[in-house]
């Protein structure tokens, strides 16, 4: 579960950064173009709240996934968190004021 991170800041970064720059940043031998495609599907499938729900619950929107993507879905979220961490994009979640 990814609730220790601020998914909202990740969403904002991803939607405000050109896709070409994101591709250059994220696609590596570990986080492939197929992984990146899954990330874009999750990002584009709904609102910021939807993205945050998927991120925190490590699940996916009701979208069509191809055979390559289906194979990677089980390991996608841990790899995504690793890729985000490598670029310093994960911020700790803020605790709600009591």
PDB file of N, CA and C in Angstrom:
ATOM      1  N   UNK A   1       0.841  -1.189   0.000  1.00  0.00           N
ATOM      2  CA  UNK A   1       0.000   0.000   0.000  1.00  0.00           C
ATOM      3  C   UNK A   1       0.885   1.252   0.000  1.00  0.00           C
ATOM      4  N   UNK A   2       0.537   2.206  -0.814  1.00  0.00           N
ATOM      5  CA  UNK A   2       1.374   3.389  -1.023  1.00  0.00           C
ATOM      6  C   UNK A   2       0.899   4.615  -0.247  1.00  0.00           C
ATOM      7  N   UNK A   3       0.131   4.421   0.812  1.00  0.00           N
ATOM      8  CA  UNK A   3      -0.487   5.562   1.487  1.00  0.00           C
ATOM      9  C   UNK A   3       0.515   6.457   2.224  1.00  0.00           C
ATOM     10  N   UNK A   4       1.765   6.024   2.328  1.00  0.00           N
ATOM     11  CA  UNK A   4       2.749   6.887   2.996  1.00  0.00           C
ATOM     12  C   UNK A   4       3.235   8.006   2.072  1.00  0.00           C
ATOM     13  N   UNK A   5       2.779   7.988   0.804  1.00  0.00           N
ATOM     14  CA  UNK A   5       3.192   9.000  -0.165  1.00  0.00           C
ATOM     15  C   UNK A   5       2.030   9.904  -0.556  1.00  0.00           C
ATOM     16  N   UNK A   6       2.371  11.070  -1.053  1.00  0.00           N
ATOM     17  CA  UNK A   6       1.377  12.048  -1.506  1.00  0.00           C
ATOM     18  C   UNK A   6       1.104  11.844  -2.995  1.00  0.00           C
ATOM     19  N   UNK A   7       0.055  11.089  -3.295  1.00  0.00           N
ATOM     20  CA  UNK A   7      -0.276  10.775  -4.681  1.00  0.00           C
ATOM     21  C   UNK A   7      -0.732  12.006  -5.445  1.00  0.00           C
ATOM     22  N   UNK A   8      -1.302  12.965  -4.758  1.00  0.00           N
ATOM     23  CA  UNK A   8      -1.778  14.180  -5.407  1.00  0.00           C
ATOM     24  C   UNK A   8      -0.621  14.944  -6.046  1.00  0.00           C
ATOM     25  N   UNK A   9       0.510  15.034  -5.367  1.00  0.00           N
ATOM     26  CA  UNK A   9       1.660  15.746  -5.934  1.00  0.00           C
ATOM     27  C   UNK A   9       2.219  14.983  -7.140  1.00  0.00           C
ATOM     28  N   UNK A  10       2.152  13.660  -7.106  1.00  0.00           N
ATOM     29  CA  UNK A  10       2.602  12.857  -8.249  1.00  0.00           C
ATOM     30  C   UNK A  10       1.695  13.129  -9.441  1.00  0.00           C
ATOM     31  N   UNK A  11       0.396  13.106  -9.192  1.00  0.00           N
ATOM     32  CA  UNK A  11      -0.575  13.363 -10.259  1.00  0.00           C
ATOM     33  C   UNK A  11      -0.313  14.730 -10.891  1.00  0.00           C
ATOM     34  N   UNK A  12      -0.145  15.749 -10.067  1.00  0.00           N
ATOM     35  CA  UNK A  12       0.080  17.104 -10.576  1.00  0.00           C
ATOM     36  C   UNK A  12       1.345  17.166 -11.430  1.00  0.00           C
ATOM     37  N   UNK A  13       2.399  16.524 -10.976  1.00  0.00           N
ATOM     38  CA  UNK A  13       3.637  16.505 -11.745  1.00  0.00           C
ATOM     39  C   UNK A  13       3.410  15.828 -13.095  1.00  0.00           C
ATOM     40  N   UNK A  14       2.757  14.671 -13.075  1.00  0.00           N
ATOM     41  CA  UNK A  14       2.570  13.896 -14.304  1.00  0.00           C
ATOM     42  C   UNK A  14       1.688  14.621 -15.315  1.00  0.00           C
ATOM     43  N   UNK A  15       0.621  15.275 -14.867  1.00  0.00           N
ATOM     44  CA  UNK A  15      -0.273  15.930 -15.827  1.00  0.00           C
ATOM     45  C   UNK A  15       0.296  17.245 -16.347  1.00  0.00           C
ATOM     46  N   UNK A  16       1.243  17.835 -15.636  1.00  0.00           N
ATOM     47  CA  UNK A  16       1.797  19.121 -16.065  1.00  0.00           C
ATOM     48  C   UNK A  16       3.166  19.008 -16.731  1.00  0.00           C
ATOM     49  N   UNK A  17       3.639  17.791 -16.922  1.00  0.00           N
ATOM     50  CA  UNK A  17       4.923  17.574 -17.579  1.00  0.00           C
ATOM     51  C   UNK A  17       4.645  16.960 -18.950  1.00  0.00           C
ATOM     52  N   UNK A  18       5.257  17.487 -20.011  1.00  0.00           N
ATOM     53  CA  UNK A  18       5.021  16.921 -21.348  1.00  0.00           C
ATOM     54  C   UNK A  18       5.353  15.429 -21.390  1.00  0.00           C
ATOM     55  N   UNK A  19       4.542  14.690 -22.134  1.00  0.00           N
ATOM     56  CA  UNK A  19       4.735  13.238 -22.214  1.00  0.00           C
ATOM     57  C   UNK A  19       6.135  12.869 -22.700  1.00  0.00           C
ATOM     58  N   UNK A  20       6.677  13.629 -23.642  1.00  0.00           N
ATOM     59  CA  UNK A  20       8.015  13.309 -24.160  1.00  0.00           C
ATOM     60  C   UNK A  20       9.067  13.402 -23.048  1.00  0.00           C
ATOM     61  N   UNK A  21       8.934  14.386 -22.186  1.00  0.00           N
ATOM     62  CA  UNK A  21       9.876  14.525 -21.070  1.00  0.00           C
ATOM     63  C   UNK A  21       9.694  13.381 -20.070  1.00  0.00           C
ATOM     64  N   UNK A  22       8.448  13.003 -19.832  1.00  0.00           N
ATOM     65  CA  UNK A  22       8.188  11.885 -18.922  1.00  0.00           C
ATOM     66  C   UNK A  22       8.780  10.590 -19.481  1.00  0.00           C
ATOM     67  N   UNK A  23       8.626  10.389 -20.795  1.00  0.00           N
ATOM     68  CA  UNK A  23       9.188   9.187 -21.433  1.00  0.00           C
ATOM     69  C   UNK A  23      10.699   9.118 -21.215  1.00  0.00           C
ATOM     70  N   UNK A  24      11.382  10.247 -21.467  1.00  0.00           N
ATOM     71  CA  UNK A  24      12.842  10.279 -21.293  1.00  0.00           C
ATOM     72  C   UNK A  24      13.219  10.009 -19.842  1.00  0.00           C
ATOM     73  N   UNK A  25      12.424  10.503 -18.934  1.00  0.00           N
ATOM     74  CA  UNK A  25      12.721  10.376 -17.514  1.00  0.00           C
ATOM     75  C   UNK A  25      12.475   8.954 -17.003  1.00  0.00           C
ATOM     76  N   UNK A  26      11.357   8.370 -17.394  1.00  0.00           N
ATOM     77  CA  UNK A  26      10.923   7.125 -16.762  1.00  0.00           C
ATOM     78  C   UNK A  26      11.365   5.845 -17.451  1.00  0.00           C
ATOM     79  N   UNK A  27      11.420   5.826 -18.772  1.00  0.00           N
ATOM     80  CA  UNK A  27      11.648   4.553 -19.456  1.00  0.00           C
ATOM     81  C   UNK A  27      13.100   4.116 -19.299  1.00  0.00           C
ATOM     82  N   UNK A  28      13.241   2.968 -18.656  1.00  0.00           N
ATOM     83  CA  UNK A  28      14.541   2.351 -18.377  1.00  0.00           C
ATOM     84  C   UNK A  28      14.390   0.851 -18.635  1.00  0.00           C
ATOM     85  N   UNK A  29      15.488   0.102 -18.534  1.00  0.00           N
ATOM     86  CA  UNK A  29      15.326  -1.356 -18.678  1.00  0.00           C
ATOM     87  C   UNK A  29      14.378  -1.957 -17.625  1.00  0.00           C
ATOM     88  N   UNK A  30      14.281  -1.350 -16.449  1.00  0.00           N
ATOM     89  CA  UNK A  30      13.403  -1.867 -15.394  1.00  0.00           C
ATOM     90  C   UNK A  30      11.963  -1.371 -15.556  1.00  0.00           C
ATOM     91  N   UNK A  31      11.792  -0.095 -15.869  1.00  0.00           N
ATOM     92  CA  UNK A  31      10.459   0.509 -16.050  1.00  0.00           C
ATOM     93  C   UNK A  31      10.318   0.781 -17.541  1.00  0.00           C
ATOM     94  N   UNK A  32       9.779  -0.209 -18.236  1.00  0.00           N
ATOM     95  CA  UNK A  32       9.772  -0.217 -19.698  1.00  0.00           C
ATOM     96  C   UNK A  32       8.699   0.702 -20.285  1.00  0.00           C
ATOM     97  N   UNK A  33       8.698   0.788 -21.602  1.00  0.00           N
ATOM     98  CA  UNK A  33       7.662   1.559 -22.304  1.00  0.00           C
ATOM     99  C   UNK A  33       6.277   0.994 -22.009  1.00  0.00           C
ATOM    100  N   UNK A  34       6.186  -0.308 -21.796  1.00  0.00           N
ATOM    101  CA  UNK A  34       4.888  -0.918 -21.459  1.00  0.00           C
ATOM    102  C   UNK A  34       4.447  -0.449 -20.075  1.00  0.00           C
ATOM    103  N   UNK A  35       5.359  -0.419 -19.111  1.00  0.00           N
ATOM    104  CA  UNK A  35       5.032   0.108 -17.784  1.00  0.00           C
ATOM    105  C   UNK A  35       4.571   1.565 -17.894  1.00  0.00           C
ATOM    106  N   UNK A  36       5.301   2.331 -18.687  1.00  0.00           N
ATOM    107  CA  UNK A  36       4.959   3.740 -18.868  1.00  0.00           C
ATOM    108  C   UNK A  36       3.557   3.875 -19.470  1.00  0.00           C
ATOM    109  N   UNK A  37       3.232   3.001 -20.412  1.00  0.00           N
ATOM    110  CA  UNK A  37       1.898   3.012 -21.011  1.00  0.00           C
ATOM    111  C   UNK A  37       0.807   2.740 -19.982  1.00  0.00           C
ATOM    112  N   UNK A  38       1.075   1.821 -19.068  1.00  0.00           N
ATOM    113  CA  UNK A  38       0.107   1.544 -17.997  1.00  0.00           C
ATOM    114  C   UNK A  38      -0.064   2.784 -17.130  1.00  0.00           C
ATOM    115  N   UNK A  39       1.045   3.433 -16.785  1.00  0.00           N
ATOM    116  CA  UNK A  39       0.977   4.648 -15.972  1.00  0.00           C
ATOM    117  C   UNK A  39       0.114   5.704 -16.652  1.00  0.00           C
ATOM    118  N   UNK A  40       0.305   5.887 -17.953  1.00  0.00           N
ATOM    119  CA  UNK A  40      -0.503   6.862 -18.684  1.00  0.00           C
ATOM    120  C   UNK A  40      -1.985   6.477 -18.694  1.00  0.00           C
ATOM    121  N   UNK A  41      -2.276   5.195 -18.837  1.00  0.00           N
ATOM    122  CA  UNK A  41      -3.675   4.751 -18.807  1.00  0.00           C
ATOM    123  C   UNK A  41      -4.321   5.080 -17.463  1.00  0.00           C
ATOM    124  N   UNK A  42      -3.610   4.811 -16.381  1.00  0.00           N
ATOM    125  CA  UNK A  42      -4.138   5.111 -15.048  1.00  0.00           C
ATOM    126  C   UNK A  42      -4.323   6.621 -14.902  1.00  0.00           C
ATOM    127  N   UNK A  43      -3.351   7.376 -15.376  1.00  0.00           N
ATOM    128  CA  UNK A  43      -3.390   8.834 -15.283  1.00  0.00           C
ATOM    129  C   UNK A  43      -4.570   9.424 -16.051  1.00  0.00           C
ATOM    130  N   UNK A  44      -4.815   8.908 -17.238  1.00  0.00           N
ATOM    131  CA  UNK A  44      -5.836   9.477 -18.120  1.00  0.00           C
ATOM    132  C   UNK A  44      -7.227   8.896 -17.912  1.00  0.00           C
ATOM    133  N   UNK A  45      -7.341   7.884 -17.077  1.00  0.00           N
ATOM    134  CA  UNK A  45      -8.617   7.177 -16.932  1.00  0.00           C
ATOM    135  C   UNK A  45      -9.635   7.936 -16.090  1.00  0.00           C
ATOM    136  N   UNK A  46      -9.208   8.969 -15.401  1.00  0.00           N
ATOM    137  CA  UNK A  46     -10.152   9.672 -14.542  1.00  0.00           C
ATOM    138  C   UNK A  46      -9.554  10.923 -13.950  1.00  0.00           C
ATOM    139  N   UNK A  47     -10.102  11.286 -12.828  1.00  0.00           N
ATOM    140  CA  UNK A  47      -9.712  12.525 -12.144  1.00  0.00           C
ATOM    141  C   UNK A  47      -8.484  12.302 -11.257  1.00  0.00           C
ATOM    142  N   UNK A  48      -8.059  13.375 -10.634  1.00  0.00           N
ATOM    143  CA  UNK A  48      -6.961  13.282  -9.667  1.00  0.00           C
ATOM    144  C   UNK A  48      -7.333  12.325  -8.539  1.00  0.00           C
ATOM    145  N   UNK A  49      -8.567  12.405  -8.050  1.00  0.00           N
ATOM    146  CA  UNK A  49      -9.009  11.503  -6.982  1.00  0.00           C
ATOM    147  C   UNK A  49      -8.960  10.049  -7.429  1.00  0.00           C
ATOM    148  N   UNK A  50      -9.360   9.803  -8.676  1.00  0.00           N
ATOM    149  CA  UNK A  50      -9.308   8.432  -9.211  1.00  0.00           C
ATOM    150  C   UNK A  50      -7.865   7.932  -9.236  1.00  0.00           C
ATOM    151  N   UNK A  51      -6.951   8.778  -9.723  1.00  0.00           N
ATOM    152  CA  UNK A  51      -5.543   8.394  -9.765  1.00  0.00           C
ATOM    153  C   UNK A  51      -5.039   8.071  -8.361  1.00  0.00           C
ATOM    154  N   UNK A  52      -5.363   8.936  -7.411  1.00  0.00           N
ATOM    155  CA  UNK A  52      -4.918   8.724  -6.029  1.00  0.00           C
ATOM    156  C   UNK A  52      -5.464   7.409  -5.473  1.00  0.00           C
ATOM    157  N   UNK A  53      -6.731   7.120  -5.747  1.00  0.00           N
ATOM    158  CA  UNK A  53      -7.322   5.853  -5.282  1.00  0.00           C
ATOM    159  C   UNK A  53      -6.572   4.658  -5.860  1.00  0.00           C
ATOM    160  N   UNK A  54      -6.291   4.696  -7.152  1.00  0.00           N
ATOM    161  CA  UNK A  54      -5.558   3.589  -7.784  1.00  0.00           C
ATOM    162  C   UNK A  54      -4.155   3.474  -7.204  1.00  0.00           C
ATOM    163  N   UNK A  55      -3.494   4.606  -7.003  1.00  0.00           N
ATOM    164  CA  UNK A  55      -2.138   4.601  -6.461  1.00  0.00           C
ATOM    165  C   UNK A  55      -2.125   4.012  -5.048  1.00  0.00           C
ATOM    166  N   UNK A  56      -3.022   4.493  -4.187  1.00  0.00           N
ATOM    167  CA  UNK A  56      -3.043   4.035  -2.798  1.00  0.00           C
ATOM    168  C   UNK A  56      -3.473   2.582  -2.658  1.00  0.00           C
ATOM    169  N   UNK A  57      -4.388   2.141  -3.504  1.00  0.00           N
ATOM    170  CA  UNK A  57      -4.914   0.777  -3.406  1.00  0.00           C
ATOM    171  C   UNK A  57      -4.222  -0.205  -4.343  1.00  0.00           C
ATOM    172  N   UNK A  58      -3.243   0.303  -5.105  1.00  0.00           N
ATOM    173  CA  UNK A  58      -2.479  -0.516  -6.045  1.00  0.00           C
ATOM    174  C   UNK A  58      -3.407  -1.318  -6.960  1.00  0.00           C
ATOM    175  N   UNK A  59      -4.386  -0.616  -7.533  1.00  0.00           N
ATOM    176  CA  UNK A  59      -5.281  -1.260  -8.484  1.00  0.00           C
ATOM    177  C   UNK A  59      -5.359  -0.422  -9.752  1.00  0.00           C
ATOM    178  N   UNK A  60      -6.278  -0.755 -10.633  1.00  0.00           N
ATOM    179  CA  UNK A  60      -6.305  -0.149 -11.955  1.00  0.00           C
ATOM    180  C   UNK A  60      -7.722   0.255 -12.341  1.00  0.00           C
ATOM    181  N   UNK A  61      -7.829   1.242 -13.226  1.00  0.00           N
ATOM    182  CA  UNK A  61      -9.153   1.624 -13.725  1.00  0.00           C
ATOM    183  C   UNK A  61      -9.718   0.538 -14.636  1.00  0.00           C
ATOM    184  N   UNK A  62     -10.982   0.640 -14.898  1.00  0.00           N
ATOM    185  CA  UNK A  62     -11.624  -0.273 -15.852  1.00  0.00           C
ATOM    186  C   UNK A  62     -11.241   0.191 -17.251  1.00  0.00           C
ATOM    187  N   UNK A  63     -10.107  -0.247 -17.722  1.00  0.00           N
ATOM    188  CA  UNK A  63      -9.595   0.114 -19.049  1.00  0.00           C
ATOM    189  C   UNK A  63      -9.220  -1.158 -19.781  1.00  0.00           C
ATOM    190  N   UNK A  64      -9.083  -1.041 -21.077  1.00  0.00           N
ATOM    191  CA  UNK A  64      -8.583  -2.178 -21.858  1.00  0.00           C
ATOM    192  C   UNK A  64      -7.064  -2.211 -21.727  1.00  0.00           C
ATOM    193  N   UNK A  65      -6.565  -3.359 -21.353  1.00  0.00           N
ATOM    194  CA  UNK A  65      -5.127  -3.561 -21.261  1.00  0.00           C
ATOM    195  C   UNK A  65      -4.744  -4.641 -22.263  1.00  0.00           C
ATOM    196  N   UNK A  66      -3.625  -4.425 -22.961  1.00  0.00           N
ATOM    197  CA  UNK A  66      -3.185  -5.446 -23.912  1.00  0.00           C
ATOM    198  C   UNK A  66      -2.473  -6.574 -23.171  1.00  0.00           C
ATOM    199  N   UNK A  67      -2.113  -7.620 -23.898  1.00  0.00           N
ATOM    200  CA  UNK A  67      -1.521  -8.812 -23.276  1.00  0.00           C
ATOM    201  C   UNK A  67      -0.238  -8.481 -22.512  1.00  0.00           C
ATOM    202  N   UNK A  68       0.613  -7.626 -23.090  1.00  0.00           N
ATOM    203  CA  UNK A  68       1.864  -7.246 -22.405  1.00  0.00           C
ATOM    204  C   UNK A  68       1.557  -6.527 -21.093  1.00  0.00           C
ATOM    205  N   UNK A  69       0.562  -5.627 -21.114  1.00  0.00           N
ATOM    206  CA  UNK A  69       0.222  -4.863 -19.918  1.00  0.00           C
ATOM    207  C   UNK A  69      -0.368  -5.766 -18.837  1.00  0.00           C
ATOM    208  N   UNK A  70      -1.213  -6.701 -19.247  1.00  0.00           N
ATOM    209  CA  UNK A  70      -1.842  -7.607 -18.278  1.00  0.00           C
ATOM    210  C   UNK A  70      -0.778  -8.391 -17.515  1.00  0.00           C
ATOM    211  N   UNK A  71       0.247  -8.840 -18.215  1.00  0.00           N
ATOM    212  CA  UNK A  71       1.333  -9.593 -17.582  1.00  0.00           C
ATOM    213  C   UNK A  71       2.045  -8.737 -16.522  1.00  0.00           C
ATOM    214  N   UNK A  72       2.187  -7.446 -16.784  1.00  0.00           N
ATOM    215  CA  UNK A  72       2.949  -6.561 -15.887  1.00  0.00           C
ATOM    216  C   UNK A  72       2.120  -5.959 -14.757  1.00  0.00           C
ATOM    217  N   UNK A  73       0.809  -6.100 -14.808  1.00  0.00           N
ATOM    218  CA  UNK A  73      -0.033  -5.445 -13.803  1.00  0.00           C
ATOM    219  C   UNK A  73       0.284  -5.882 -12.368  1.00  0.00           C
ATOM    220  N   UNK A  74       0.633  -7.152 -12.181  1.00  0.00           N
ATOM    221  CA  UNK A  74       0.897  -7.649 -10.826  1.00  0.00           C
ATOM    222  C   UNK A  74       2.082  -6.961 -10.168  1.00  0.00           C
ATOM    223  N   UNK A  75       3.078  -6.619 -10.956  1.00  0.00           N
ATOM    224  CA  UNK A  75       4.289  -6.006 -10.394  1.00  0.00           C
ATOM    225  C   UNK A  75       4.382  -4.511 -10.687  1.00  0.00           C
ATOM    226  N   UNK A  76       3.363  -3.943 -11.314  1.00  0.00           N
ATOM    227  CA  UNK A  76       3.440  -2.555 -11.770  1.00  0.00           C
ATOM    228  C   UNK A  76       3.642  -1.552 -10.638  1.00  0.00           C
ATOM    229  N   UNK A  77       2.791  -1.582  -9.630  1.00  0.00           N
ATOM    230  CA  UNK A  77       2.852  -0.519  -8.611  1.00  0.00           C
ATOM    231  C   UNK A  77       4.172  -0.476  -7.845  1.00  0.00           C
ATOM    232  N   UNK A  78       4.732  -1.599  -7.393  1.00  0.00           N
ATOM    233  CA  UNK A  78       6.050  -1.504  -6.732  1.00  0.00           C
ATOM    234  C   UNK A  78       7.129  -0.933  -7.655  1.00  0.00           C
ATOM    235  N   UNK A  79       7.104  -1.328  -8.933  1.00  0.00           N
ATOM    236  CA  UNK A  79       8.080  -0.780  -9.887  1.00  0.00           C
ATOM    237  C   UNK A  79       7.846   0.706 -10.117  1.00  0.00           C
ATOM    238  N   UNK A  80       6.588   1.099 -10.169  1.00  0.00           N
ATOM    239  CA  UNK A  80       6.256   2.514 -10.359  1.00  0.00           C
ATOM    240  C   UNK A  80       6.773   3.347  -9.188  1.00  0.00           C
ATOM    241  N   UNK A  81       6.550   2.867  -7.965  1.00  0.00           N
ATOM    242  CA  UNK A  81       7.034   3.576  -6.771  1.00  0.00           C
ATOM    243  C   UNK A  81       8.559   3.685  -6.806  1.00  0.00           C
ATOM    244  N   UNK A  82       9.232   2.618  -7.221  1.00  0.00           N
ATOM    245  CA  UNK A  82      10.697   2.650  -7.328  1.00  0.00           C
ATOM    246  C   UNK A  82      11.132   3.703  -8.343  1.00  0.00           C
ATOM    247  N   UNK A  83      10.466   3.728  -9.511  1.00  0.00           N
ATOM    248  CA  UNK A  83      10.818   4.704 -10.549  1.00  0.00           C
ATOM    249  C   UNK A  83      10.569   6.131 -10.061  1.00  0.00           C
ATOM    250  N   UNK A  84       9.459   6.355  -9.388  1.00  0.00           N
ATOM    251  CA  UNK A  84       9.157   7.690  -8.860  1.00  0.00           C
ATOM    252  C   UNK A  84      10.187   8.101  -7.810  1.00  0.00           C
ATOM    253  N   UNK A  85      10.565   7.159  -6.961  1.00  0.00           N
ATOM    254  CA  UNK A  85      11.569   7.427  -5.924  1.00  0.00           C
ATOM    255  C   UNK A  85      12.922   7.768  -6.533  1.00  0.00           C
ATOM    256  N   UNK A  86      13.289   7.083  -7.608  1.00  0.00           N
ATOM    257  CA  UNK A  86      14.587   7.328  -8.246  1.00  0.00           C
ATOM    258  C   UNK A  86      14.697   8.760  -8.760  1.00  0.00           C
ATOM    259  N   UNK A  87      13.561   9.373  -9.039  1.00  0.00           N
ATOM    260  CA  UNK A  87      13.560  10.746  -9.549  1.00  0.00           C
ATOM    261  C   UNK A  87      13.170  11.757  -8.482  1.00  0.00           C
ATOM    262  N   UNK A  88      13.072  11.305  -7.228  1.00  0.00           N
ATOM    263  CA  UNK A  88      12.764  12.206  -6.129  1.00  0.00           C
ATOM    264  C   UNK A  88      11.361  12.778  -6.185  1.00  0.00           C
ATOM    265  N   UNK A  89      10.424  12.043  -6.782  1.00  0.00           N
ATOM    266  CA  UNK A  89       9.079  12.572  -6.968  1.00  0.00           C
ATOM    267  C   UNK A  89       8.106  12.204  -5.851  1.00  0.00           C
ATOM    268  N   UNK A  90       8.486  11.281  -4.992  1.00  0.00           N
ATOM    269  CA  UNK A  90       7.564  10.877  -3.931  1.00  0.00           C
ATOM    270  C   UNK A  90       7.789  11.726  -2.695  1.00  0.00           C
ATOM    271  N   UNK A  91       6.727  12.379  -2.295  1.00  0.00           N
ATOM    272  CA  UNK A  91       6.752  13.193  -1.093  1.00  0.00           C
ATOM    273  C   UNK A  91       6.002  12.442   0.001  1.00  0.00           C
ATOM    274  N   UNK A  92       6.441  12.557   1.245  1.00  0.00           N
ATOM    275  CA  UNK A  92       5.674  11.917   2.306  1.00  0.00           C
ATOM    276  C   UNK A  92       4.272  12.505   2.387  1.00  0.00           C
ATOM    277  N   UNK A  93       3.311  11.658   2.682  1.00  0.00           N
ATOM    278  CA  UNK A  93       1.936  12.131   2.865  1.00  0.00           C
ATOM    279  C   UNK A  93       1.886  13.025   4.091  1.00  0.00           C
ATOM    280  N   UNK A  94       1.132  14.083   3.993  1.00  0.00           N
ATOM    281  CA  UNK A  94       0.965  14.983   5.140  1.00  0.00           C
ATOM    282  C   UNK A  94      -0.072  14.390   6.088  1.00  0.00           C
ATOM    283  N   UNK A  95       0.244  14.397   7.348  1.00  0.00           N
ATOM    284  CA  UNK A  95      -0.711  13.905   8.336  1.00  0.00           C
ATOM    285  C   UNK A  95      -1.788  14.967   8.519  1.00  0.00           C
ATOM    286  N   UNK A  96      -3.020  14.522   8.599  1.00  0.00           N
ATOM    287  CA  UNK A  96      -4.126  15.471   8.799  1.00  0.00           C
ATOM    288  C   UNK A  96      -4.008  16.072  10.196  1.00  0.00           C
ATOM    289  N   UNK A  97      -4.316  17.343  10.286  1.00  0.00           N
ATOM    290  CA  UNK A  97      -4.269  18.021  11.591  1.00  0.00           C
ATOM    291  C   UNK A  97      -5.325  17.431  12.507  1.00  0.00           C
ATOM    292  N   UNK A  98      -4.966  17.236  13.740  1.00  0.00           N
ATOM    293  CA  UNK A  98      -5.902  16.612  14.699  1.00  0.00           C
ATOM    294  C   UNK A  98      -6.982  17.585  15.115  1.00  0.00           C
TER     295      UNK A  98
END
